[in-house]
Amino acid sequence: MAEKSGLSKSTVGRIWKAFGLKSHLEEGFKLSTDPLFTEKVYDIVGLYLNPPESVDEKS
């Protein structure tokens, strides 16, 4: 996965860990049928790799 995505193995490992993914425990792999799945993944990974400098948290 790291080679295909252009990310380092450690980055892929951190992303998998952050989402609780454990491929070694799975017998199969299922992709979402959501037509916007790819765009959502890019958005999430993009935020993970380039988090905003500050977040305005309101109480």
N, C-alpha and C. Protein backbone atom coordinates (compact mmCIF):
# COMPACT_ATOMS: atom_id res chain seq x y z
N MET A 1 0.83 -1.18 0.00
CA MET A 1 0.00 0.00 0.00
C MET A 1 0.88 1.25 0.00
N ALA A 2 1.95 1.24 0.76
CA ALA A 2 2.83 2.40 0.82
C ALA A 2 3.44 2.69 -0.56
N GLU A 3 3.87 1.65 -1.23
CA GLU A 3 4.49 1.83 -2.54
C GLU A 3 3.49 2.42 -3.54
N LYS A 4 2.27 1.90 -3.56
CA LYS A 4 1.24 2.37 -4.49
C LYS A 4 0.82 3.80 -4.21
N SER A 5 0.76 4.18 -2.91
CA SER A 5 0.28 5.51 -2.54
C SER A 5 1.39 6.56 -2.55
N GLY A 6 2.64 6.11 -2.53
CA GLY A 6 3.75 7.06 -2.48
C GLY A 6 4.06 7.53 -1.07
N LEU A 7 3.40 6.94 -0.08
CA LEU A 7 3.65 7.28 1.32
C LEU A 7 4.67 6.30 1.89
N SER A 8 5.28 6.68 3.01
CA SER A 8 6.22 5.76 3.65
C SER A 8 5.45 4.66 4.38
N LYS A 9 6.14 3.56 4.63
CA LYS A 9 5.51 2.44 5.35
C LYS A 9 5.06 2.88 6.74
N SER A 10 5.87 3.72 7.39
CA SER A 10 5.51 4.16 8.74
C SER A 10 4.27 5.06 8.72
N THR A 11 4.13 5.89 7.69
CA THR A 11 2.94 6.74 7.59
C THR A 11 1.69 5.89 7.39
N VAL A 12 1.78 4.91 6.50
CA VAL A 12 0.64 4.01 6.29
C VAL A 12 0.31 3.29 7.60
N GLY A 13 1.32 2.84 8.31
CA GLY A 13 1.10 2.18 9.60
C GLY A 13 0.41 3.08 10.60
N ARG A 14 0.81 4.35 10.65
CA ARG A 14 0.18 5.29 11.60
C ARG A 14 -1.28 5.53 11.21
N ILE A 15 -1.56 5.65 9.91
CA ILE A 15 -2.94 5.86 9.47
C ILE A 15 -3.79 4.65 9.83
N TRP A 16 -3.26 3.45 9.55
CA TRP A 16 -4.00 2.23 9.89
C TRP A 16 -4.26 2.16 11.39
N LYS A 17 -3.25 2.50 12.18
CA LYS A 17 -3.41 2.46 13.64
C LYS A 17 -4.45 3.48 14.11
N ALA A 18 -4.42 4.67 13.52
CA ALA A 18 -5.36 5.73 13.91
C ALA A 18 -6.81 5.31 13.67
N PHE A 19 -7.04 4.49 12.65
CA PHE A 19 -8.39 4.05 12.33
C PHE A 19 -8.69 2.65 12.83
N GLY A 20 -7.75 2.07 13.59
CA GLY A 20 -7.98 0.75 14.17
C GLY A 20 -8.02 -0.36 13.15
N LEU A 21 -7.34 -0.18 12.02
CA LEU A 21 -7.34 -1.20 10.97
C LEU A 21 -6.30 -2.27 11.29
N LYS A 22 -6.69 -3.53 11.17
CA LYS A 22 -5.80 -4.65 11.46
C LYS A 22 -5.94 -5.68 10.35
N SER A 23 -5.25 -5.41 9.25
CA SER A 23 -5.40 -6.27 8.08
C SER A 23 -4.98 -7.71 8.34
N HIS A 24 -4.03 -7.90 9.24
CA HIS A 24 -3.55 -9.26 9.53
C HIS A 24 -4.61 -10.11 10.24
N LEU A 25 -5.67 -9.46 10.74
CA LEU A 25 -6.73 -10.20 11.42
C LEU A 25 -7.95 -10.42 10.52
N GLU A 26 -7.90 -9.87 9.33
CA GLU A 26 -9.03 -9.97 8.40
C GLU A 26 -8.81 -11.09 7.40
N GLU A 27 -9.89 -11.78 7.06
CA GLU A 27 -9.81 -12.83 6.04
C GLU A 27 -10.06 -12.26 4.65
N GLY A 28 -10.68 -11.13 4.58
CA GLY A 28 -10.98 -10.51 3.31
C GLY A 28 -10.97 -9.00 3.45
N PHE A 29 -11.07 -8.32 2.34
CA PHE A 29 -11.05 -6.87 2.35
C PHE A 29 -12.27 -6.37 1.58
N LYS A 30 -13.03 -5.47 2.17
CA LYS A 30 -14.23 -4.95 1.53
C LYS A 30 -14.09 -3.43 1.38
N LEU A 31 -14.36 -2.95 0.19
CA LEU A 31 -14.37 -1.51 -0.04
C LEU A 31 -15.79 -1.00 0.12
N SER A 32 -15.88 0.23 0.50
CA SER A 32 -17.19 0.87 0.62
C SER A 32 -17.83 1.00 -0.75
N THR A 33 -19.14 0.95 -0.76
CA THR A 33 -19.88 1.15 -2.01
C THR A 33 -20.27 2.62 -2.18
N ASP A 34 -19.87 3.46 -1.24
CA ASP A 34 -20.14 4.89 -1.30
C ASP A 34 -19.46 5.48 -2.53
N PRO A 35 -20.21 6.13 -3.44
CA PRO A 35 -19.60 6.70 -4.64
C PRO A 35 -18.60 7.81 -4.35
N LEU A 36 -18.66 8.40 -3.16
CA LEU A 36 -17.72 9.47 -2.79
C LEU A 36 -16.60 8.97 -1.88
N PHE A 37 -16.46 7.65 -1.78
CA PHE A 37 -15.47 7.05 -0.87
C PHE A 37 -14.06 7.57 -1.13
N THR A 38 -13.63 7.57 -2.38
CA THR A 38 -12.26 8.00 -2.71
C THR A 38 -12.03 9.44 -2.29
N GLU A 39 -12.97 10.31 -2.60
CA GLU A 39 -12.81 11.71 -2.24
C GLU A 39 -12.75 11.90 -0.72
N LYS A 40 -13.56 11.13 0.01
CA LYS A 40 -13.56 11.21 1.47
C LYS A 40 -12.22 10.74 2.04
N VAL A 41 -11.68 9.66 1.48
CA VAL A 41 -10.38 9.16 1.95
C VAL A 41 -9.30 10.20 1.71
N TYR A 42 -9.29 10.82 0.53
CA TYR A 42 -8.30 11.86 0.24
C TYR A 42 -8.43 13.02 1.23
N ASP A 43 -9.66 13.43 1.54
CA ASP A 43 -9.87 14.51 2.49
C ASP A 43 -9.32 14.16 3.87
N ILE A 44 -9.61 12.96 4.35
CA ILE A 44 -9.17 12.54 5.68
C ILE A 44 -7.66 12.41 5.73
N VAL A 45 -7.08 11.75 4.74
CA VAL A 45 -5.62 11.58 4.72
C VAL A 45 -4.94 12.93 4.56
N GLY A 46 -5.53 13.82 3.75
CA GLY A 46 -4.97 15.15 3.59
C GLY A 46 -4.93 15.92 4.89
N LEU A 47 -5.99 15.82 5.68
CA LEU A 47 -6.00 16.47 7.00
C LEU A 47 -4.98 15.85 7.93
N TYR A 48 -4.82 14.54 7.85
CA TYR A 48 -3.85 13.86 8.70
C TYR A 48 -2.43 14.28 8.34
N LEU A 49 -2.13 14.37 7.05
CA LEU A 49 -0.78 14.71 6.62
C LEU A 49 -0.49 16.20 6.73
N ASN A 50 -1.50 17.04 6.58
CA ASN A 50 -1.32 18.50 6.64
C ASN A 50 -2.40 19.11 7.52
N PRO A 51 -2.28 18.91 8.84
CA PRO A 51 -3.32 19.44 9.73
C PRO A 51 -3.30 20.98 9.72
N PRO A 52 -4.44 21.60 9.95
CA PRO A 52 -4.47 23.06 10.01
C PRO A 52 -3.62 23.55 11.18
N GLU A 53 -3.05 24.74 11.01
CA GLU A 53 -2.18 25.27 12.07
C GLU A 53 -2.93 25.56 13.35
N SER A 54 -4.14 26.04 13.23
CA SER A 54 -4.94 26.29 14.42
C SER A 54 -6.39 25.92 14.15
N VAL A 55 -7.05 25.51 15.19
CA VAL A 55 -8.45 25.14 15.10
C VAL A 55 -9.22 26.01 16.08
N ASP A 56 -10.26 26.67 15.60
CA ASP A 56 -11.07 27.50 16.45
C ASP A 56 -12.11 26.63 17.13
N GLU A 57 -11.85 26.28 18.38
CA GLU A 57 -12.78 25.45 19.12
C GLU A 57 -13.70 26.35 19.94
N LYS A 58 -14.98 26.15 19.74
CA LYS A 58 -15.95 26.94 20.50
C LYS A 58 -16.57 26.07 21.59
N SER A 59 -16.82 26.67 22.72
CA SER A 59 -17.39 25.92 23.84
C SER A 59 -18.85 25.68 23.64
